[in-house]
Amino acid sequence: MGRPLCSALLRAGHEVRLTTRDAEGARRTAPSAVDVVHPGSPEGWADAVRGCDAVINLAGESIADGRWTPGRKSALQRSRVATTRSLVDACGAVEERPSVFISASAVGYYGSRGGEMLDETAPPGDDFLARLCVAWEQEASRATGFGMRLVVPRLGVVLAAGGGALERMVVPFQMFVGGPVGSGDQWLSWVHRQDVVALLLDALTNERMVGPVNLVAPDARTMSDFSRALGAAMRRPSWIPVPSFVMRLALGEMAEMLLTGQRAVPAAAEAAGYRFLYRSLGDALAEILHR
């Protein structure tokens, strides 16, 4: 999300300062107008946020880049919770604080809830992802104590060309062996990447956007429906399911992320006046696959 967001911020006339653990790598890939810094210390974090009007916190290692071993879980936790703590502390340490703190989370906050429709008032779940999101959001919540407007976008599965979840999903369909994962009854809350970027930009100035915001399209689907829509968009069959036990053997505990799901609804975003660019799954997949 970082690169398209930086580009959109620059096009909108903002000055962008990027904090990262890999400053050299970021300087090679980020737009040249982006100021890339590696904080490295409490004073460095304070210098990073000093003079900024807003903070957008997207930090966190990829959930899907490996089995959830104890070490991997610790890294996922640390990259989210500790980084958010450092950012909030830095905002509290500077004289003129940012006015808005936008800190990402995920619909995994809700845990496995079947077909229950989940708006932002729904309580958290109790699996690993839910507990991770709760700890992540608790650190971000301290921003309100420093007088900043807090926005917590809970992201669904982000769909985009050339990366992310969809890049992995399309492979079996390209080989004519696509189909749903597990029972197919689990819900998948998705969002087009263009809507993620657009909503984050809107949240910078939209005073009605406060607190948790489900960043998902209004067209959540079951895994079976999603697979059929993807097959139709790719003009490929969708009839070979991947059994649950195969997923668990291959991925361990991480498989539960794919075998269970959430039916999240974007109640807060729409109440704040945001209008989704891609409301239907068919339109989103058509734009991504046939651009």
Protein backbone atom coordinates (compact mmCIF):
# COMPACT_ATOMS: atom_id res chain seq x y z
CA MET A 1 0.00 0.00 0.00
CA GLY A 2 2.88 2.37 0.66
CA ARG A 3 3.90 3.15 -2.92
CA PRO A 4 0.43 3.90 -4.36
CA LEU A 5 -0.46 5.91 -1.25
CA CYS A 6 2.72 8.00 -1.49
CA SER A 7 2.05 8.67 -5.17
CA ALA A 8 -1.55 9.70 -4.45
CA LEU A 9 -0.47 12.02 -1.62
CA LEU A 10 2.06 13.71 -3.89
CA ARG A 11 -0.53 14.13 -6.66
CA ALA A 12 -2.83 15.76 -4.10
CA GLY A 13 -0.15 18.32 -3.27
CA HIS A 14 1.06 16.93 0.05
CA GLU A 15 4.63 16.67 1.23
CA VAL A 16 5.40 13.08 2.23
CA ARG A 17 7.85 11.78 4.83
CA LEU A 18 8.26 8.01 4.87
CA THR A 19 9.55 6.21 7.96
CA THR A 20 10.91 2.72 7.39
CA ARG A 21 13.34 0.13 8.75
CA ASP A 22 14.79 -0.27 5.23
CA ALA A 23 15.61 3.29 4.25
CA GLU A 24 17.97 2.32 1.42
CA GLY A 25 15.43 -0.01 -0.16
CA ALA A 26 12.68 2.59 0.17
CA ARG A 27 14.84 5.26 -1.47
CA ARG A 28 15.26 2.99 -4.49
CA THR A 29 11.51 2.40 -4.93
CA ALA A 30 9.72 5.44 -3.49
CA PRO A 31 8.98 8.49 -5.65
CA SER A 32 11.94 10.87 -5.63
CA ALA A 33 9.91 13.61 -3.92
CA VAL A 34 9.36 11.45 -0.82
CA ASP A 35 11.58 12.18 2.18
CA VAL A 36 12.70 8.76 3.48
CA VAL A 37 13.91 8.51 7.08
CA HIS A 38 14.96 5.68 9.40
CA PRO A 39 14.06 6.79 12.97
CA GLY A 40 16.19 4.32 14.95
CA SER A 41 15.71 5.99 18.36
CA PRO A 42 13.01 7.84 20.36
CA GLU A 43 14.57 11.13 19.29
CA GLY A 44 14.59 9.94 15.70
CA TRP A 45 10.88 9.08 15.87
CA ALA A 46 10.13 12.55 17.26
CA ASP A 47 12.14 14.16 14.45
CA ALA A 48 10.22 12.03 11.94
CA VAL A 49 6.80 13.35 13.02
CA ARG A 50 7.88 16.92 13.88
CA GLY A 51 6.18 19.40 11.54
CA CYS A 52 3.73 16.83 10.15
CA ASP A 53 0.01 17.57 9.93
CA ALA A 54 -0.97 13.88 9.91
CA VAL A 55 0.43 10.40 10.49
CA ILE A 56 -0.67 7.37 8.47
CA ASN A 57 0.58 4.18 10.12
CA LEU A 58 0.63 1.15 7.81
CA ALA A 59 3.55 -0.61 9.53
CA GLY A 60 3.53 -4.37 9.94
CA GLU A 61 5.14 -7.46 8.43
CA SER A 62 2.98 -9.41 6.01
CA ILE A 63 0.57 -11.80 7.72
CA ALA A 64 0.76 -14.29 4.83
CA ASP A 65 4.53 -14.55 4.29
CA GLY A 66 5.14 -17.66 6.35
CA ARG A 67 3.78 -20.21 8.81
CA TRP A 68 2.82 -18.78 12.17
CA THR A 69 5.62 -20.22 14.25
CA PRO A 70 6.14 -18.69 17.71
CA GLY A 71 8.96 -16.58 16.27
CA ARG A 72 6.81 -15.45 13.35
CA LYS A 73 3.95 -14.49 15.67
CA SER A 74 6.35 -12.46 17.77
CA ALA A 75 7.60 -10.62 14.66
CA LEU A 76 4.04 -9.88 13.50
CA GLN A 77 3.19 -8.50 16.93
CA ARG A 78 6.36 -6.48 17.32
CA SER A 79 6.20 -4.92 13.85
CA ARG A 80 2.69 -3.63 14.54
CA VAL A 81 2.41 -2.94 18.24
CA ALA A 82 5.92 -1.64 18.97
CA THR A 83 5.99 0.56 15.86
CA THR A 84 2.60 2.07 16.70
CA ARG A 85 3.78 2.68 20.27
CA SER A 86 6.86 4.50 18.96
CA LEU A 87 4.79 6.66 16.62
CA VAL A 88 2.27 7.66 19.29
CA ASP A 89 5.04 8.40 21.80
CA ALA A 90 6.77 10.54 19.18
CA CYS A 91 3.61 12.52 18.50
CA GLY A 92 3.24 13.15 22.23
CA ALA A 93 6.85 14.33 22.49
CA VAL A 94 6.72 17.13 19.89
CA GLU A 95 5.49 20.64 20.56
CA GLU A 96 3.08 20.94 17.62
CA ARG A 97 1.40 17.57 17.20
CA PRO A 98 -0.22 16.14 14.08
CA SER A 99 -3.95 16.77 14.06
CA VAL A 100 -4.91 13.29 12.84
CA PHE A 101 -3.47 9.82 13.47
CA ILE A 102 -4.57 7.13 11.02
CA SER A 103 -3.53 3.65 12.14
CA ALA A 104 -4.32 0.54 10.14
CA SER A 105 -5.92 -2.59 11.57
CA ALA A 106 -7.82 -5.47 9.95
CA VAL A 107 -11.24 -7.11 9.94
CA GLY A 108 -9.46 -10.05 11.56
CA TYR A 109 -10.27 -8.05 14.71
CA TYR A 110 -13.70 -9.70 14.72
CA GLY A 111 -12.47 -13.30 14.64
CA SER A 112 -14.53 -16.08 13.06
CA ARG A 113 -18.19 -15.00 13.14
CA GLY A 114 -19.91 -16.98 10.39
CA GLY A 115 -22.50 -14.95 8.49
CA GLU A 116 -23.04 -12.34 11.22
CA MET A 117 -23.02 -8.85 9.71
CA LEU A 118 -20.29 -6.93 11.53
CA ASP A 119 -20.21 -3.17 11.79
CA GLU A 120 -17.63 -1.27 13.81
CA THR A 121 -19.51 -1.74 17.10
CA ALA A 122 -19.11 -5.56 17.02
CA PRO A 123 -16.84 -6.96 19.76
CA PRO A 124 -13.46 -8.56 19.00
CA GLY A 125 -12.82 -12.25 18.54
CA ASP A 126 -10.35 -14.36 20.49
CA ASP A 127 -8.04 -16.02 17.95
CA PHE A 128 -4.47 -14.95 17.19
CA LEU A 129 -5.38 -12.36 14.55
CA ALA A 130 -8.12 -10.87 16.71
CA ARG A 131 -5.82 -10.53 19.71
CA LEU A 132 -3.13 -9.02 17.49
CA CYS A 133 -5.57 -6.42 16.16
CA VAL A 134 -6.81 -5.59 19.66
CA ALA A 135 -3.26 -4.97 20.91
CA TRP A 136 -2.48 -2.93 17.77
CA GLU A 137 -5.56 -0.76 18.17
CA GLN A 138 -4.97 -0.26 21.90
CA GLU A 139 -1.59 1.29 21.18
CA ALA A 140 -3.13 3.55 18.54
CA SER A 141 -5.93 4.61 20.91
CA ARG A 142 -3.41 6.49 23.04
CA ALA A 143 -3.24 9.10 20.27
CA THR A 144 -6.53 10.57 21.46
CA GLY A 145 -4.87 11.44 24.77
CA PHE A 146 -2.59 13.79 22.85
CA GLY A 147 -5.53 15.57 21.21
CA MET A 148 -5.30 13.89 17.81
CA ARG A 149 -8.31 12.67 15.84
CA LEU A 150 -7.88 8.92 15.58
CA VAL A 151 -9.01 6.87 12.58
CA VAL A 152 -8.53 3.08 12.60
CA PRO A 153 -9.22 1.56 9.15
CA ARG A 154 -9.91 -2.15 9.56
CA LEU A 155 -8.84 -3.50 6.18
CA GLY A 156 -10.40 -6.43 4.43
CA VAL A 157 -8.65 -8.44 1.70
CA VAL A 158 -7.12 -5.81 -0.59
CA LEU A 159 -7.52 -6.59 -4.29
CA ALA A 160 -5.02 -5.13 -6.76
CA ALA A 161 -3.08 -6.05 -9.86
CA GLY A 162 0.45 -7.34 -9.52
CA GLY A 163 0.54 -8.22 -5.86
CA GLY A 164 -1.29 -9.00 -2.67
CA ALA A 165 -3.88 -11.72 -2.13
CA LEU A 166 -5.31 -11.69 -5.66
CA GLU A 167 -1.96 -12.48 -7.24
CA ARG A 168 -1.93 -15.79 -5.35
CA MET A 169 -5.60 -16.49 -5.90
CA VAL A 170 -5.44 -16.30 -9.68
CA VAL A 171 -2.66 -18.88 -10.12
CA PRO A 172 -4.82 -22.05 -9.86
CA PHE A 173 -7.44 -20.44 -12.11
CA GLN A 174 -4.77 -19.76 -14.72
CA MET A 175 -4.04 -23.51 -14.58
CA PHE A 176 -7.77 -24.39 -14.90
CA VAL A 177 -7.86 -25.86 -11.36
CA GLY A 178 -9.44 -22.96 -9.50
CA GLY A 179 -12.10 -23.28 -6.85
CA PRO A 180 -13.10 -22.29 -3.31
CA VAL A 181 -10.95 -22.90 -0.24
CA GLY A 182 -12.42 -25.17 2.42
CA SER A 183 -16.19 -25.33 2.71
CA GLY A 184 -16.69 -22.20 0.62
CA ASP A 185 -19.26 -20.96 3.13
CA GLN A 186 -16.85 -18.60 4.91
CA TRP A 187 -17.25 -14.90 4.19
CA LEU A 188 -14.61 -12.80 2.48
CA SER A 189 -14.67 -9.03 2.99
CA TRP A 190 -12.68 -7.44 0.18
CA VAL A 191 -11.79 -3.93 -0.99
CA HIS A 192 -10.19 -2.55 -4.14
CA ARG A 193 -6.80 -0.93 -3.53
CA GLN A 194 -7.98 2.29 -5.15
CA ASP A 195 -10.64 2.55 -2.45
CA VAL A 196 -8.05 2.00 0.27
CA VAL A 197 -5.96 4.88 -1.05
CA ALA A 198 -9.00 7.12 -1.62
CA LEU A 199 -10.44 6.53 1.84
CA LEU A 200 -7.10 7.16 3.55
CA LEU A 201 -6.83 10.48 1.72
CA ASP A 202 -10.40 11.35 2.66
CA ALA A 203 -9.69 10.50 6.32
CA LEU A 204 -6.97 13.17 6.43
CA THR A 205 -9.52 15.98 6.30
CA ASN A 206 -12.94 14.39 6.89
CA GLU A 207 -13.76 15.29 10.49
CA ARG A 208 -16.71 12.85 10.45
CA MET A 209 -14.32 9.94 10.11
CA VAL A 210 -13.37 9.00 13.67
CA GLY A 211 -12.50 5.71 15.36
CA PRO A 212 -12.75 2.25 13.77
CA VAL A 213 -13.72 2.21 10.09
CA ASN A 214 -14.32 -1.06 8.25
CA LEU A 215 -12.37 -0.53 5.04
CA VAL A 216 -14.29 -3.08 2.99
CA ALA A 217 -16.57 -2.83 -0.02
CA PRO A 218 -20.34 -3.17 0.59
CA ASP A 219 -20.34 -6.45 -1.38
CA ALA A 220 -18.86 -9.11 0.91
CA ARG A 221 -19.10 -12.59 -0.58
CA THR A 222 -18.77 -16.17 0.53
CA MET A 223 -15.63 -17.89 -0.66
CA SER A 224 -17.71 -19.94 -3.13
CA ASP A 225 -19.28 -16.80 -4.59
CA PHE A 226 -15.91 -15.08 -4.75
CA SER A 227 -14.36 -18.06 -6.57
CA ARG A 228 -17.19 -18.14 -9.10
CA ALA A 229 -16.84 -14.40 -9.73
CA LEU A 230 -13.07 -14.73 -10.15
CA GLY A 231 -13.48 -17.67 -12.52
CA ALA A 232 -16.03 -15.75 -14.57
CA ALA A 233 -13.79 -12.67 -14.74
CA MET A 234 -10.86 -14.83 -15.89
CA ARG A 235 -13.04 -16.98 -18.15
CA ARG A 236 -11.88 -20.07 -16.29
CA PRO A 237 -13.80 -22.84 -14.50
CA SER A 238 -14.26 -22.71 -10.74
CA TRP A 239 -15.07 -26.19 -9.57
CA ILE A 240 -12.10 -27.76 -7.76
CA PRO A 241 -12.23 -26.96 -4.03
CA VAL A 242 -9.13 -27.04 -1.83
CA PRO A 243 -10.01 -29.22 1.19
CA SER A 244 -9.59 -27.75 4.66
CA PHE A 245 -7.18 -30.45 5.79
CA VAL A 246 -4.86 -29.69 2.86
CA MET A 247 -4.74 -26.03 3.87
CA ARG A 248 -4.01 -26.92 7.48
CA LEU A 249 -1.23 -29.29 6.46
CA ALA A 250 0.32 -26.69 4.17
CA LEU A 251 -0.09 -23.57 6.30
CA GLY A 252 -0.65 -24.68 9.88
CA GLU A 253 -2.51 -22.20 12.07
CA MET A 254 -2.36 -19.56 9.33
CA ALA A 255 -4.86 -21.65 7.34
CA GLU A 256 -7.61 -20.56 9.73
CA MET A 257 -7.35 -17.07 8.24
CA LEU A 258 -8.57 -18.54 4.93
CA LEU A 259 -10.94 -21.18 6.30
CA THR A 260 -12.90 -18.76 8.48
CA GLY A 261 -13.90 -15.21 7.74
CA GLN A 262 -15.86 -12.10 8.54
CA ARG A 263 -18.87 -10.48 6.91
CA ALA A 264 -17.87 -6.89 7.65
CA VAL A 265 -19.92 -3.91 6.48
CA PRO A 266 -18.56 -0.37 5.92
CA ALA A 267 -21.10 1.36 8.15
CA ALA A 268 -18.76 4.05 9.53
CA ALA A 269 -17.21 4.91 6.15
CA GLU A 270 -20.59 5.40 4.49
CA ALA A 271 -21.95 7.34 7.47
CA ALA A 272 -18.96 9.68 7.10
CA GLY A 273 -19.90 10.28 3.47
CA TYR A 274 -17.33 8.12 1.72
CA ARG A 275 -18.53 6.75 -1.63
CA PHE A 276 -16.80 3.61 -2.81
CA LEU A 277 -15.25 3.62 -6.27
CA TYR A 278 -15.80 -0.15 -6.56
CA ARG A 279 -18.91 -1.28 -4.75
CA SER A 280 -19.40 -4.59 -6.59
CA LEU A 281 -16.97 -7.49 -6.82
CA GLY A 282 -17.61 -7.92 -10.54
CA ASP A 283 -16.63 -4.32 -11.31
CA ALA A 284 -13.52 -4.57 -9.12
CA LEU A 285 -12.28 -7.78 -10.75
CA ALA A 286 -13.05 -6.49 -14.24
CA GLU A 287 -10.95 -3.37 -13.63
CA ILE A 288 -8.03 -5.31 -12.17
CA LEU A 289 -7.93 -8.23 -14.60
CA HIS A 290 -8.87 -6.44 -17.83
CA ARG A 291 -7.34 -3.00 -17.42
